[in-house]
Amino acid sequence: MTEINKEIGQRLAKRLAISGKTQADLAAYMNTSQASVSNWVNGVKLPRMDKIDRICEFIGCNRSDILIEAPLPFADGGMTRAFHYYFGLLNMENKEKVLDIMKALLLAQNTEGDKKGV
């Protein structure tokens, strides 16, 4: 087991947890054994790239979310970078809620600006 395999396995496990899905769910979706999924999560083996793409579809993330270590969100002080990082971790339902909240905040901000004569 290489260090990279272990890190990818940890990110896969994290993404499974975030999506609320189990290793058994993934095994069923991938039509593979639970032992294979366990090997991926534990860094014993890596899935082929086509399987990584199917895994990403199943858990709702991008290939890079599993293959590349995410930078610390505020490491460069960038709010946009942090937003993209955290937004990417949300499921679709919560992404829609965030967008609704952002629209409401923009409307309130614009209304507030109109009241101040801005």
PDB file of N, CA and C in Angstrom:
ATOM      1  N   MET A   1       0.853  -1.176   0.000  1.00  0.00           N
ATOM      2  CA  MET A   1       0.000   0.000   0.000  1.00  0.00           C
ATOM      3  C   MET A   1       0.896   1.235   0.000  1.00  0.00           C
ATOM      4  N   THR A   2       0.692   2.106  -0.983  1.00  0.00           N
ATOM      5  CA  THR A   2       1.471   3.332  -1.040  1.00  0.00           C
ATOM      6  C   THR A   2       0.759   4.438  -0.262  1.00  0.00           C
ATOM      7  N   GLU A   3       1.494   5.473   0.043  1.00  0.00           N
ATOM      8  CA  GLU A   3       0.921   6.624   0.759  1.00  0.00           C
ATOM      9  C   GLU A   3      -0.180   7.287  -0.069  1.00  0.00           C
ATOM     10  N   ILE A   4       0.027   7.350  -1.367  1.00  0.00           N
ATOM     11  CA  ILE A   4      -0.983   7.971  -2.244  1.00  0.00           C
ATOM     12  C   ILE A   4      -2.269   7.153  -2.227  1.00  0.00           C
ATOM     13  N   ASN A   5      -2.154   5.838  -2.313  1.00  0.00           N
ATOM     14  CA  ASN A   5      -3.345   4.981  -2.240  1.00  0.00           C
ATOM     15  C   ASN A   5      -4.107   5.232  -0.947  1.00  0.00           C
ATOM     16  N   LYS A   6      -3.369   5.335   0.146  1.00  0.00           N
ATOM     17  CA  LYS A   6      -3.975   5.557   1.462  1.00  0.00           C
ATOM     18  C   LYS A   6      -4.716   6.901   1.494  1.00  0.00           C
ATOM     19  N   GLU A   7      -4.082   7.944   0.956  1.00  0.00           N
ATOM     20  CA  GLU A   7      -4.710   9.271   0.948  1.00  0.00           C
ATOM     21  C   GLU A   7      -5.967   9.287   0.088  1.00  0.00           C
ATOM     22  N   ILE A   8      -5.900   8.651  -1.065  1.00  0.00           N
ATOM     23  CA  ILE A   8      -7.078   8.583  -1.943  1.00  0.00           C
ATOM     24  C   ILE A   8      -8.185   7.795  -1.259  1.00  0.00           C
ATOM     25  N   GLY A   9      -7.827   6.708  -0.604  1.00  0.00           N
ATOM     26  CA  GLY A   9      -8.806   5.927   0.143  1.00  0.00           C
ATOM     27  C   GLY A   9      -9.481   6.747   1.233  1.00  0.00           C
ATOM     28  N   GLN A  10      -8.702   7.555   1.940  1.00  0.00           N
ATOM     29  CA  GLN A  10      -9.263   8.412   2.992  1.00  0.00           C
ATOM     30  C   GLN A  10     -10.226   9.442   2.409  1.00  0.00           C
ATOM     31  N   ARG A  11      -9.856  10.023   1.260  1.00  0.00           N
ATOM     32  CA  ARG A  11     -10.764  11.001   0.630  1.00  0.00           C
ATOM     33  C   ARG A  11     -12.036  10.322   0.133  1.00  0.00           C
ATOM     34  N   LEU A  12     -11.903   9.105  -0.380  1.00  0.00           N
ATOM     35  CA  LEU A  12     -13.084   8.344  -0.811  1.00  0.00           C
ATOM     36  C   LEU A  12     -13.988   8.066   0.385  1.00  0.00           C
ATOM     37  N   ALA A  13     -13.409   7.638   1.491  1.00  0.00           N
ATOM     38  CA  ALA A  13     -14.198   7.363   2.705  1.00  0.00           C
ATOM     39  C   ALA A  13     -14.905   8.630   3.175  1.00  0.00           C
ATOM     40  N   LYS A  14     -14.213   9.749   3.130  1.00  0.00           N
ATOM     41  CA  LYS A  14     -14.797  11.029   3.551  1.00  0.00           C
ATOM     42  C   LYS A  14     -15.969  11.394   2.650  1.00  0.00           C
ATOM     43  N   ARG A  15     -15.789  11.235   1.346  1.00  0.00           N
ATOM     44  CA  ARG A  15     -16.863  11.567   0.403  1.00  0.00           C
ATOM     45  C   ARG A  15     -18.054  10.630   0.551  1.00  0.00           C
ATOM     46  N   LEU A  16     -17.812   9.385   0.826  1.00  0.00           N
ATOM     47  CA  LEU A  16     -18.919   8.456   1.094  1.00  0.00           C
ATOM     48  C   LEU A  16     -19.710   8.928   2.309  1.00  0.00           C
ATOM     49  N   ALA A  17     -18.998   9.296   3.369  1.00  0.00           N
ATOM     50  CA  ALA A  17     -19.658   9.761   4.595  1.00  0.00           C
ATOM     51  C   ALA A  17     -20.463  11.021   4.333  1.00  0.00           C
ATOM     52  N   ILE A  18     -19.889  11.960   3.597  1.00  0.00           N
ATOM     53  CA  ILE A  18     -20.580  13.218   3.296  1.00  0.00           C
ATOM     54  C   ILE A  18     -21.857  12.947   2.506  1.00  0.00           C
ATOM     55  N   SER A  19     -21.783  11.992   1.591  1.00  0.00           N
ATOM     56  CA  SER A  19     -22.952  11.691   0.752  1.00  0.00           C
ATOM     57  C   SER A  19     -23.993  10.845   1.483  1.00  0.00           C
ATOM     58  N   GLY A  20     -23.633  10.341   2.674  1.00  0.00           N
ATOM     59  CA  GLY A  20     -24.564   9.512   3.430  1.00  0.00           C
ATOM     60  C   GLY A  20     -24.679   8.093   2.899  1.00  0.00           C
ATOM     61  N   LYS A  21     -23.690   7.683   2.120  1.00  0.00           N
ATOM     62  CA  LYS A  21     -23.718   6.349   1.533  1.00  0.00           C
ATOM     63  C   LYS A  21     -22.652   5.479   2.184  1.00  0.00           C
ATOM     64  N   THR A  22     -22.880   4.176   2.153  1.00  0.00           N
ATOM     65  CA  THR A  22     -21.965   3.231   2.776  1.00  0.00           C
ATOM     66  C   THR A  22     -21.114   2.527   1.715  1.00  0.00           C
ATOM     67  N   GLN A  23     -20.118   1.799   2.205  1.00  0.00           N
ATOM     68  CA  GLN A  23     -19.317   0.980   1.296  1.00  0.00           C
ATOM     69  C   GLN A  23     -20.191  -0.070   0.615  1.00  0.00           C
ATOM     70  N   ALA A  24     -21.157  -0.602   1.348  1.00  0.00           N
ATOM     71  CA  ALA A  24     -22.068  -1.601   0.766  1.00  0.00           C
ATOM     72  C   ALA A  24     -22.908  -0.973  -0.347  1.00  0.00           C
ATOM     73  N   ASP A  25     -23.367   0.262  -0.134  1.00  0.00           N
ATOM     74  CA  ASP A  25     -24.129   0.966  -1.172  1.00  0.00           C
ATOM     75  C   ASP A  25     -23.282   1.124  -2.436  1.00  0.00           C
ATOM     76  N   LEU A  26     -22.032   1.520  -2.229  1.00  0.00           N
ATOM     77  CA  LEU A  26     -21.130   1.717  -3.371  1.00  0.00           C
ATOM     78  C   LEU A  26     -20.861   0.401  -4.082  1.00  0.00           C
ATOM     79  N   ALA A  27     -20.639  -0.658  -3.328  1.00  0.00           N
ATOM     80  CA  ALA A  27     -20.393  -1.970  -3.934  1.00  0.00           C
ATOM     81  C   ALA A  27     -21.575  -2.398  -4.799  1.00  0.00           C
ATOM     82  N   ALA A  28     -22.786  -2.198  -4.290  1.00  0.00           N
ATOM     83  CA  ALA A  28     -23.982  -2.564  -5.057  1.00  0.00           C
ATOM     84  C   ALA A  28     -24.089  -1.732  -6.325  1.00  0.00           C
ATOM     85  N   TYR A  29     -23.840  -0.421  -6.203  1.00  0.00           N
ATOM     86  CA  TYR A  29     -23.916   0.473  -7.364  1.00  0.00           C
ATOM     87  C   TYR A  29     -22.877   0.097  -8.417  1.00  0.00           C
ATOM     88  N   MET A  30     -21.680  -0.235  -7.962  1.00  0.00           N
ATOM     89  CA  MET A  30     -20.578  -0.557  -8.869  1.00  0.00           C
ATOM     90  C   MET A  30     -20.627  -2.003  -9.361  1.00  0.00           C
ATOM     91  N   ASN A  31     -21.562  -2.778  -8.803  1.00  0.00           N
ATOM     92  CA  ASN A  31     -21.673  -4.199  -9.146  1.00  0.00           C
ATOM     93  C   ASN A  31     -20.337  -4.915  -8.905  1.00  0.00           C
ATOM     94  N   THR A  32     -19.804  -4.657  -7.716  1.00  0.00           N
ATOM     95  CA  THR A  32     -18.541  -5.271  -7.313  1.00  0.00           C
ATOM     96  C   THR A  32     -18.677  -5.770  -5.873  1.00  0.00           C
ATOM     97  N   SER A  33     -17.682  -6.404  -5.386  1.00  0.00           N
ATOM     98  CA  SER A  33     -17.749  -6.946  -4.024  1.00  0.00           C
ATOM     99  C   SER A  33     -17.469  -5.859  -2.987  1.00  0.00           C
ATOM    100  N   GLN A  34     -17.977  -6.090  -1.786  1.00  0.00           N
ATOM    101  CA  GLN A  34     -17.681  -5.176  -0.686  1.00  0.00           C
ATOM    102  C   GLN A  34     -16.192  -5.207  -0.359  1.00  0.00           C
ATOM    103  N   ALA A  35     -15.543  -6.341  -0.600  1.00  0.00           N
ATOM    104  CA  ALA A  35     -14.104  -6.456  -0.365  1.00  0.00           C
ATOM    105  C   ALA A  35     -13.328  -5.514  -1.291  1.00  0.00           C
ATOM    106  N   SER A  36     -13.771  -5.393  -2.541  1.00  0.00           N
ATOM    107  CA  SER A  36     -13.104  -4.473  -3.476  1.00  0.00           C
ATOM    108  C   SER A  36     -13.222  -3.034  -2.991  1.00  0.00           C
ATOM    109  N   VAL A  37     -14.423  -2.662  -2.582  1.00  0.00           N
ATOM    110  CA  VAL A  37     -14.631  -1.297  -2.087  1.00  0.00           C
ATOM    111  C   VAL A  37     -13.805  -1.067  -0.826  1.00  0.00           C
ATOM    112  N   SER A  38     -13.769  -2.045   0.048  1.00  0.00           N
ATOM    113  CA  SER A  38     -12.961  -1.947   1.263  1.00  0.00           C
ATOM    114  C   SER A  38     -11.485  -1.755   0.911  1.00  0.00           C
ATOM    115  N   ASN A  39     -11.005  -2.467  -0.101  1.00  0.00           N
ATOM    116  CA  ASN A  39      -9.621  -2.303  -0.549  1.00  0.00           C
ATOM    117  C   ASN A  39      -9.362  -0.893  -1.060  1.00  0.00           C
ATOM    118  N   TRP A  40     -10.330  -0.309  -1.763  1.00  0.00           N
ATOM    119  CA  TRP A  40     -10.178   1.071  -2.248  1.00  0.00           C
ATOM    120  C   TRP A  40     -10.115   2.046  -1.077  1.00  0.00           C
ATOM    121  N   VAL A  41     -11.057   1.903  -0.148  1.00  0.00           N
ATOM    122  CA  VAL A  41     -11.153   2.812   0.992  1.00  0.00           C
ATOM    123  C   VAL A  41      -9.933   2.690   1.908  1.00  0.00           C
ATOM    124  N   ASN A  42      -9.416   1.482   2.034  1.00  0.00           N
ATOM    125  CA  ASN A  42      -8.257   1.266   2.906  1.00  0.00           C
ATOM    126  C   ASN A  42      -6.923   1.489   2.198  1.00  0.00           C
ATOM    127  N   GLY A  43      -6.961   1.850   0.924  1.00  0.00           N
ATOM    128  CA  GLY A  43      -5.737   2.156   0.195  1.00  0.00           C
ATOM    129  C   GLY A  43      -4.943   0.945  -0.232  1.00  0.00           C
ATOM    130  N   VAL A  44      -5.544  -0.226  -0.165  1.00  0.00           N
ATOM    131  CA  VAL A  44      -4.854  -1.444  -0.602  1.00  0.00           C
ATOM    132  C   VAL A  44      -4.722  -1.443  -2.122  1.00  0.00           C
ATOM    133  N   LYS A  45      -5.785  -1.033  -2.787  1.00  0.00           N
ATOM    134  CA  LYS A  45      -5.808  -0.941  -4.245  1.00  0.00           C
ATOM    135  C   LYS A  45      -6.504   0.345  -4.652  1.00  0.00           C
ATOM    136  N   LEU A  46      -6.250   0.769  -5.883  1.00  0.00           N
ATOM    137  CA  LEU A  46      -6.949   1.920  -6.446  1.00  0.00           C
ATOM    138  C   LEU A  46      -7.903   1.450  -7.534  1.00  0.00           C
ATOM    139  N   PRO A  47      -9.091   2.042  -7.586  1.00  0.00           N
ATOM    140  CA  PRO A  47      -9.985   1.711  -8.704  1.00  0.00           C
ATOM    141  C   PRO A  47      -9.442   2.328  -9.997  1.00  0.00           C
ATOM    142  N   ARG A  48      -9.763   1.711 -11.126  1.00  0.00           N
ATOM    143  CA  ARG A  48      -9.389   2.289 -12.425  1.00  0.00           C
ATOM    144  C   ARG A  48     -10.108   3.623 -12.604  1.00  0.00           C
ATOM    145  N   MET A  49      -9.602   4.442 -13.507  1.00  0.00           N
ATOM    146  CA  MET A  49     -10.145   5.784 -13.707  1.00  0.00           C
ATOM    147  C   MET A  49     -11.618   5.743 -14.115  1.00  0.00           C
ATOM    148  N   ASP A  50     -12.022   4.786 -14.950  1.00  0.00           N
ATOM    149  CA  ASP A  50     -13.430   4.711 -15.335  1.00  0.00           C
ATOM    150  C   ASP A  50     -14.304   4.406 -14.117  1.00  0.00           C
ATOM    151  N   LYS A  51     -13.771   3.627 -13.183  1.00  0.00           N
ATOM    152  CA  LYS A  51     -14.521   3.334 -11.966  1.00  0.00           C
ATOM    153  C   LYS A  51     -14.559   4.559 -11.051  1.00  0.00           C
ATOM    154  N   ILE A  52     -13.478   5.302 -11.005  1.00  0.00           N
ATOM    155  CA  ILE A  52     -13.470   6.530 -10.207  1.00  0.00           C
ATOM    156  C   ILE A  52     -14.552   7.481 -10.716  1.00  0.00           C
ATOM    157  N   ASP A  53     -14.690   7.577 -12.029  1.00  0.00           N
ATOM    158  CA  ASP A  53     -15.732   8.438 -12.593  1.00  0.00           C
ATOM    159  C   ASP A  53     -17.131   7.968 -12.177  1.00  0.00           C
ATOM    160  N   ARG A  54     -17.359   6.663 -12.180  1.00  0.00           N
ATOM    161  CA  ARG A  54     -18.664   6.124 -11.745  1.00  0.00           C
ATOM    162  C   ARG A  54     -18.881   6.355 -10.252  1.00  0.00           C
ATOM    163  N   ILE A  55     -17.827   6.206  -9.468  1.00  0.00           N
ATOM    164  CA  ILE A  55     -17.911   6.472  -8.029  1.00  0.00           C
ATOM    165  C   ILE A  55     -18.319   7.923  -7.801  1.00  0.00           C
ATOM    166  N   CYS A  56     -17.684   8.824  -8.537  1.00  0.00           N
ATOM    167  CA  CYS A  56     -17.990  10.250  -8.396  1.00  0.00           C
ATOM    168  C   CYS A  56     -19.438  10.553  -8.757  1.00  0.00           C
ATOM    169  N   GLU A  57     -19.937   9.919  -9.793  1.00  0.00           N
ATOM    170  CA  GLU A  57     -21.353  10.087 -10.148  1.00  0.00           C
ATOM    171  C   GLU A  57     -22.241   9.643  -8.992  1.00  0.00           C
ATOM    172  N   PHE A  58     -21.893   8.535  -8.383  1.00  0.00           N
ATOM    173  CA  PHE A  58     -22.698   7.958  -7.310  1.00  0.00           C
ATOM    174  C   PHE A  58     -22.713   8.837  -6.065  1.00  0.00           C
ATOM    175  N   ILE A  59     -21.559   9.376  -5.699  1.00  0.00           N
ATOM    176  CA  ILE A  59     -21.502  10.154  -4.457  1.00  0.00           C
ATOM    177  C   ILE A  59     -21.584  11.658  -4.688  1.00  0.00           C
ATOM    178  N   GLY A  60     -21.699  12.064  -5.950  1.00  0.00           N
ATOM    179  CA  GLY A  60     -21.919  13.476  -6.250  1.00  0.00           C
ATOM    180  C   GLY A  60     -20.715  14.369  -6.017  1.00  0.00           C
ATOM    181  N   CYS A  61     -19.582  13.967  -6.564  1.00  0.00           N
ATOM    182  CA  CYS A  61     -18.398  14.816  -6.440  1.00  0.00           C
ATOM    183  C   CYS A  61     -17.624  14.778  -7.749  1.00  0.00           C
ATOM    184  N   ASN A  62     -16.560  15.534  -7.808  1.00  0.00           N
ATOM    185  CA  ASN A  62     -15.690  15.558  -8.976  1.00  0.00           C
ATOM    186  C   ASN A  62     -14.527  14.599  -8.772  1.00  0.00           C
ATOM    187  N   ARG A  63     -13.959  14.164  -9.869  1.00  0.00           N
ATOM    188  CA  ARG A  63     -12.796  13.277  -9.818  1.00  0.00           C
ATOM    189  C   ARG A  63     -11.686  13.884  -8.955  1.00  0.00           C
ATOM    190  N   SER A  64     -11.471  15.164  -9.100  1.00  0.00           N
ATOM    191  CA  SER A  64     -10.402  15.831  -8.345  1.00  0.00           C
ATOM    192  C   SER A  64     -10.660  15.811  -6.839  1.00  0.00           C
ATOM    193  N   ASP A  65     -11.927  15.711  -6.425  1.00  0.00           N
ATOM    194  CA  ASP A  65     -12.246  15.656  -4.994  1.00  0.00           C
ATOM    195  C   ASP A  65     -11.673  14.395  -4.350  1.00  0.00           C
ATOM    196  N   ILE A  66     -11.518  13.358  -5.140  1.00  0.00           N
ATOM    197  CA  ILE A  66     -10.978  12.102  -4.624  1.00  0.00           C
ATOM    198  C   ILE A  66      -9.477  11.997  -4.890  1.00  0.00           C
ATOM    199  N   LEU A  67      -9.042  12.468  -6.045  1.00  0.00           N
ATOM    200  CA  LEU A  67      -7.652  12.260  -6.436  1.00  0.00           C
ATOM    201  C   LEU A  67      -6.677  13.324  -5.930  1.00  0.00           C
ATOM    202  N   ILE A  68      -7.170  14.520  -5.664  1.00  0.00           N
ATOM    203  CA  ILE A  68      -6.293  15.630  -5.296  1.00  0.00           C
ATOM    204  C   ILE A  68      -6.648  16.120  -3.906  1.00  0.00           C
ATOM    205  N   GLU A  69      -5.655  16.303  -3.083  1.00  0.00           N
ATOM    206  CA  GLU A  69      -5.896  16.814  -1.736  1.00  0.00           C
ATOM    207  C   GLU A  69      -6.363  18.256  -1.833  1.00  0.00           C
ATOM    208  N   ALA A  70      -7.474  18.542  -1.187  1.00  0.00           N
ATOM    209  CA  ALA A  70      -8.026  19.902  -1.203  1.00  0.00           C
ATOM    210  C   ALA A  70      -7.153  20.809  -0.349  1.00  0.00           C
ATOM    211  N   PRO A  71      -6.906  22.022  -0.835  1.00  0.00           N
ATOM    212  CA  PRO A  71      -6.136  22.964  -0.025  1.00  0.00           C
ATOM    213  C   PRO A  71      -6.965  23.434   1.154  1.00  0.00           C
ATOM    214  N   LEU A  72      -6.312  23.934   2.155  1.00  0.00           N
ATOM    215  CA  LEU A  72      -7.051  24.523   3.261  1.00  0.00           C
ATOM    216  C   LEU A  72      -7.854  25.687   2.699  1.00  0.00           C
ATOM    217  N   PRO A  73      -9.125  25.761   3.013  1.00  0.00           N
ATOM    218  CA  PRO A  73      -9.998  26.737   2.378  1.00  0.00           C
ATOM    219  C   PRO A  73      -9.531  28.187   2.486  1.00  0.00           C
ATOM    220  N   PHE A  74      -9.022  28.604   3.624  1.00  0.00           N
ATOM    221  CA  PHE A  74      -8.659  29.999   3.780  1.00  0.00           C
ATOM    222  C   PHE A  74      -7.148  30.212   3.745  1.00  0.00           C
ATOM    223  N   ALA A  75      -6.401  29.229   3.247  1.00  0.00           N
ATOM    224  CA  ALA A  75      -4.944  29.328   3.246  1.00  0.00           C
ATOM    225  C   ALA A  75      -4.461  30.580   2.523  1.00  0.00           C
ATOM    226  N   ASP A  76      -5.133  30.961   1.430  1.00  0.00           N
ATOM    227  CA  ASP A  76      -4.698  32.143   0.696  1.00  0.00           C
ATOM    228  C   ASP A  76      -5.577  33.355   1.010  1.00  0.00           C
ATOM    229  N   GLY A  77      -6.435  33.229   2.011  1.00  0.00           N
ATOM    230  CA  GLY A  77      -7.310  34.334   2.374  1.00  0.00           C
ATOM    231  C   GLY A  77      -8.443  34.561   1.385  1.00  0.00           C
ATOM    232  N   GLY A  78      -8.613  33.682   0.426  1.00  0.00           N
ATOM    233  CA  GLY A  78      -9.617  33.883  -0.622  1.00  0.00           C
ATOM    234  C   GLY A  78     -10.986  33.358  -0.242  1.00  0.00           C
ATOM    235  N   MET A  79     -11.945  34.251  -0.133  1.00  0.00           N
ATOM    236  CA  MET A  79     -13.306  33.837   0.189  1.00  0.00           C
ATOM    237  C   MET A  79     -13.922  33.008  -0.942  1.00  0.00           C
ATOM    238  N   THR A  80     -13.623  33.345  -2.181  1.00  0.00           N
ATOM    239  CA  THR A  80     -14.179  32.604  -3.308  1.00  0.00           C
ATOM    240  C   THR A  80     -13.685  31.165  -3.294  1.00  0.00           C
ATOM    241  N   ARG A  81     -12.419  30.995  -3.007  1.00  0.00           N
ATOM    242  CA  ARG A  81     -11.841  29.649  -2.945  1.00  0.00           C
ATOM    243  C   ARG A  81     -12.509  28.837  -1.833  1.00  0.00           C
ATOM    244  N   ALA A  82     -12.707  29.456  -0.681  1.00  0.00           N
ATOM    245  CA  ALA A  82     -13.359  28.783   0.442  1.00  0.00           C
ATOM    246  C   ALA A  82     -14.796  28.423   0.087  1.00  0.00           C
ATOM    247  N   PHE A  83     -15.491  29.353  -0.569  1.00  0.00           N
ATOM    248  CA  PHE A  83     -16.870  29.076  -0.965  1.00  0.00           C
ATOM    249  C   PHE A  83     -16.931  27.856  -1.887  1.00  0.00           C
ATOM    250  N   HIS A  84     -16.075  27.835  -2.896  1.00  0.00           N
ATOM    251  CA  HIS A  84     -16.064  26.710  -3.828  1.00  0.00           C
ATOM    252  C   HIS A  84     -15.776  25.397  -3.112  1.00  0.00           C
ATOM    253  N   TYR A  85     -14.854  25.431  -2.181  1.00  0.00           N
ATOM    254  CA  TYR A  85     -14.498  24.217  -1.443  1.00  0.00           C
ATOM    255  C   TYR A  85     -15.700  23.701  -0.655  1.00  0.00           C
ATOM    256  N   TYR A  86     -16.286  24.558   0.167  1.00  0.00           N
ATOM    257  CA  TYR A  86     -17.390  24.117   1.018  1.00  0.00           C
ATOM    258  C   TYR A  86     -18.651  23.812   0.210  1.00  0.00           C
ATOM    259  N   PHE A  87     -18.932  24.607  -0.810  1.00  0.00           N
ATOM    260  CA  PHE A  87     -20.095  24.378  -1.653  1.00  0.00           C
ATOM    261  C   PHE A  87     -19.986  23.005  -2.321  1.00  0.00           C
ATOM    262  N   GLY A  88     -18.779  22.636  -2.738  1.00  0.00           N
ATOM    263  CA  GLY A  88     -18.558  21.346  -3.380  1.00  0.00           C
ATOM    264  C   GLY A  88     -18.818  20.158  -2.470  1.00  0.00           C
ATOM    265  N   LEU A  89     -18.763  20.371  -1.169  1.00  0.00           N
ATOM    266  CA  LEU A  89     -19.009  19.288  -0.217  1.00  0.00           C
ATOM    267  C   LEU A  89     -20.491  19.036   0.030  1.00  0.00           C
ATOM    268  N   LEU A  90     -21.333  19.989  -0.368  1.00  0.00           N
ATOM    269  CA  LEU A  90     -22.767  19.871  -0.106  1.00  0.00           C
ATOM    270  C   LEU A  90     -23.447  18.932  -1.094  1.00  0.00           C
ATOM    271  N   ASN A  91     -24.538  18.298  -0.639  1.00  0.00           N
ATOM    272  CA  ASN A  91     -25.358  17.529  -1.572  1.00  0.00           C
ATOM    273  C   ASN A  91     -26.225  18.510  -2.369  1.00  0.00           C
ATOM    274  N   MET A  92     -26.893  18.017  -3.399  1.00  0.00           N
ATOM    275  CA  MET A  92     -27.630  18.897  -4.311  1.00  0.00           C
ATOM    276  C   MET A  92     -28.730  19.679  -3.593  1.00  0.00           C
ATOM    277  N   GLU A  93     -29.422  19.042  -2.683  1.00  0.00           N
ATOM    278  CA  GLU A  93     -30.504  19.716  -1.957  1.00  0.00           C
ATOM    279  C   GLU A  93     -29.964  20.922  -1.180  1.00  0.00           C
ATOM    280  N   ASN A  94     -28.837  20.735  -0.506  1.00  0.00           N
ATOM    281  CA  ASN A  94     -28.262  21.835   0.268  1.00  0.00           C
ATOM    282  C   ASN A  94     -27.627  22.893  -0.624  1.00  0.00           C
ATOM    283  N   LYS A  95     -27.126  22.505  -1.784  1.00  0.00           N
ATOM    284  CA  LYS A  95     -26.616  23.500  -2.735  1.00  0.00           C
ATOM    285  C   LYS A  95     -27.746  24.435  -3.161  1.00  0.00           C
ATOM    286  N   GLU A  96     -28.929  23.859  -3.406  1.00  0.00           N
ATOM    287  CA  GLU A  96     -30.077  24.676  -3.793  1.00  0.00           C
ATOM    288  C   GLU A  96     -30.470  25.632  -2.671  1.00  0.00           C
ATOM    289  N   LYS A  97     -30.391  25.177  -1.432  1.00  0.00           N
ATOM    290  CA  LYS A  97     -30.701  26.036  -0.283  1.00  0.00           C
ATOM    291  C   LYS A  97     -29.715  27.191  -0.189  1.00  0.00           C
ATOM    292  N   VAL A  98     -28.436  26.889  -0.398  1.00  0.00           N
ATOM    293  CA  VAL A  98     -27.419  27.945  -0.354  1.00  0.00           C
ATOM    294  C   VAL A  98     -27.694  28.983  -1.435  1.00  0.00           C
ATOM    295  N   LEU A  99     -28.032  28.542  -2.620  1.00  0.00           N
ATOM    296  CA  LEU A  99     -28.334  29.492  -3.700  1.00  0.00           C
ATOM    297  C   LEU A  99     -29.544  30.351  -3.359  1.00  0.00           C
ATOM    298  N   ASP A 100     -30.558  29.755  -2.752  1.00  0.00           N
ATOM    299  CA  ASP A 100     -31.732  30.537  -2.335  1.00  0.00           C
ATOM    300  C   ASP A 100     -31.350  31.581  -1.289  1.00  0.00           C
ATOM    301  N   ILE A 101     -30.501  31.192  -0.344  1.00  0.00           N
ATOM    302  CA  ILE A 101     -30.055  32.127   0.695  1.00  0.00           C
ATOM    303  C   ILE A 101     -29.250  33.257   0.067  1.00  0.00           C
ATOM    304  N   MET A 102     -28.387  32.928  -0.878  1.00  0.00           N
ATOM    305  CA  MET A 102     -27.581  33.960  -1.536  1.00  0.00           C
ATOM    306  C   MET A 102     -28.468  34.951  -2.285  1.00  0.00           C
ATOM    307  N   LYS A 103     -29.481  34.445  -2.970  1.00  0.00           N
ATOM    308  CA  LYS A 103     -30.403  35.333  -3.689  1.00  0.00           C
ATOM    309  C   LYS A 103     -31.125  36.257  -2.721  1.00  0.00           C
ATOM    310  N   ALA A 104     -31.572  35.710  -1.588  1.00  0.00           N
ATOM    311  CA  ALA A 104     -32.256  36.523  -0.579  1.00  0.00           C
ATOM    312  C   ALA A 104     -31.323  37.586  -0.010  1.00  0.00           C
ATOM    313  N   LEU A 105     -30.078  37.222   0.242  1.00  0.00           N
ATOM    314  CA  LEU A 105     -29.112  38.189   0.762  1.00  0.00           C
ATOM    315  C   LEU A 105     -28.830  39.298  -0.245  1.00  0.00           C
ATOM    316  N   LEU A 106     -28.714  38.932  -1.520  1.00  0.00           N
ATOM    317  CA  LEU A 106     -28.497  39.947  -2.548  1.00  0.00           C
ATOM    318  C   LEU A 106     -29.681  40.893  -2.667  1.00  0.00           C
ATOM    319  N   LEU A 107     -30.871  40.348  -2.585  1.00  0.00           N
ATOM    320  CA  LEU A 107     -32.070  41.177  -2.644  1.00  0.00           C
ATOM    321  C   LEU A 107     -32.106  42.132  -1.456  1.00  0.00           C
ATOM    322  N   ALA A 108     -31.821  41.615  -0.271  1.00  0.00           N
ATOM    323  CA  ALA A 108     -31.804  42.463   0.928  1.00  0.00           C
ATOM    324  C   ALA A 108     -30.705  43.511   0.832  1.00  0.00           C
ATOM    325  N   GLN A 109     -29.562  43.139   0.322  1.00  0.00           N
ATOM    326  CA  GLN A 109     -28.442  44.071   0.178  1.00  0.00           C
ATOM    327  C   GLN A 109     -28.802  45.191  -0.782  1.00  0.00           C
ATOM    328  N   ASN A 110     -29.413  44.828  -1.907  1.00  0.00           N
ATOM    329  CA  ASN A 110     -29.803  45.836  -2.891  1.00  0.00           C
ATOM    330  C   ASN A 110     -30.895  46.741  -2.353  1.00  0.00           C
ATOM    331  N   THR A 111     -31.833  46.166  -1.617  1.00  0.00           N
ATOM    332  CA  THR A 111     -32.908  46.953  -1.015  1.00  0.00           C
ATOM    333  C   THR A 111     -32.328  47.901   0.031  1.00  0.00           C
ATOM    334  N   GLU A 112     -31.396  47.409   0.813  1.00  0.00           N
ATOM    335  CA  GLU A 112     -30.740  48.220   1.846  1.00  0.00           C
ATOM    336  C   GLU A 112     -29.984  49.371   1.185  1.00  0.00           C
ATOM    337  N   GLY A 113     -29.299  49.064   0.085  1.00  0.00           N
ATOM    338  CA  GLY A 113     -28.556  50.096  -0.631  1.00  0.00           C
ATOM    339  C   GLY A 113     -29.475  51.157  -1.197  1.00  0.00           C
ATOM    340  N   ASP A 114     -30.665  50.771  -1.676  1.00  0.00           N
ATOM    341  CA  ASP A 114     -31.644  51.724  -2.188  1.00  0.00           C
ATOM    342  C   ASP A 114     -32.119  52.655  -1.082  1.00  0.00           C
ATOM    343  N   LYS A 115     -32.299  52.124   0.121  1.00  0.00           N
ATOM    344  CA  LYS A 115     -32.766  52.937   1.253  1.00  0.00           C
ATOM    345  C   LYS A 115     -31.730  53.959   1.672  1.00  0.00           C
ATOM    346  N   LYS A 116     -30.456  53.612   1.501  1.00  0.00           N
ATOM    347  CA  LYS A 116     -29.363  54.513   1.896  1.00  0.00           C
ATOM    348  C   LYS A 116     -29.041  55.508   0.784  1.00  0.00           C
ATOM    349  N   GLY A 117     -29.655  55.324  -0.367  1.00  0.00           N
ATOM    350  CA  GLY A 117     -29.382  56.210  -1.485  1.00  0.00           C
ATOM    351  C   GLY A 117     -28.117  55.861  -2.229  1.00  0.00           C
ATOM    352  N   VAL A 118     -27.732  54.628  -2.128  1.00  0.00           N
ATOM    353  CA  VAL A 118     -26.520  54.173  -2.797  1.00  0.00           C
ATOM    354  C   VAL A 118     -26.826  53.851  -4.237  1.00  0.00           C
TER     355      VAL A 118
END
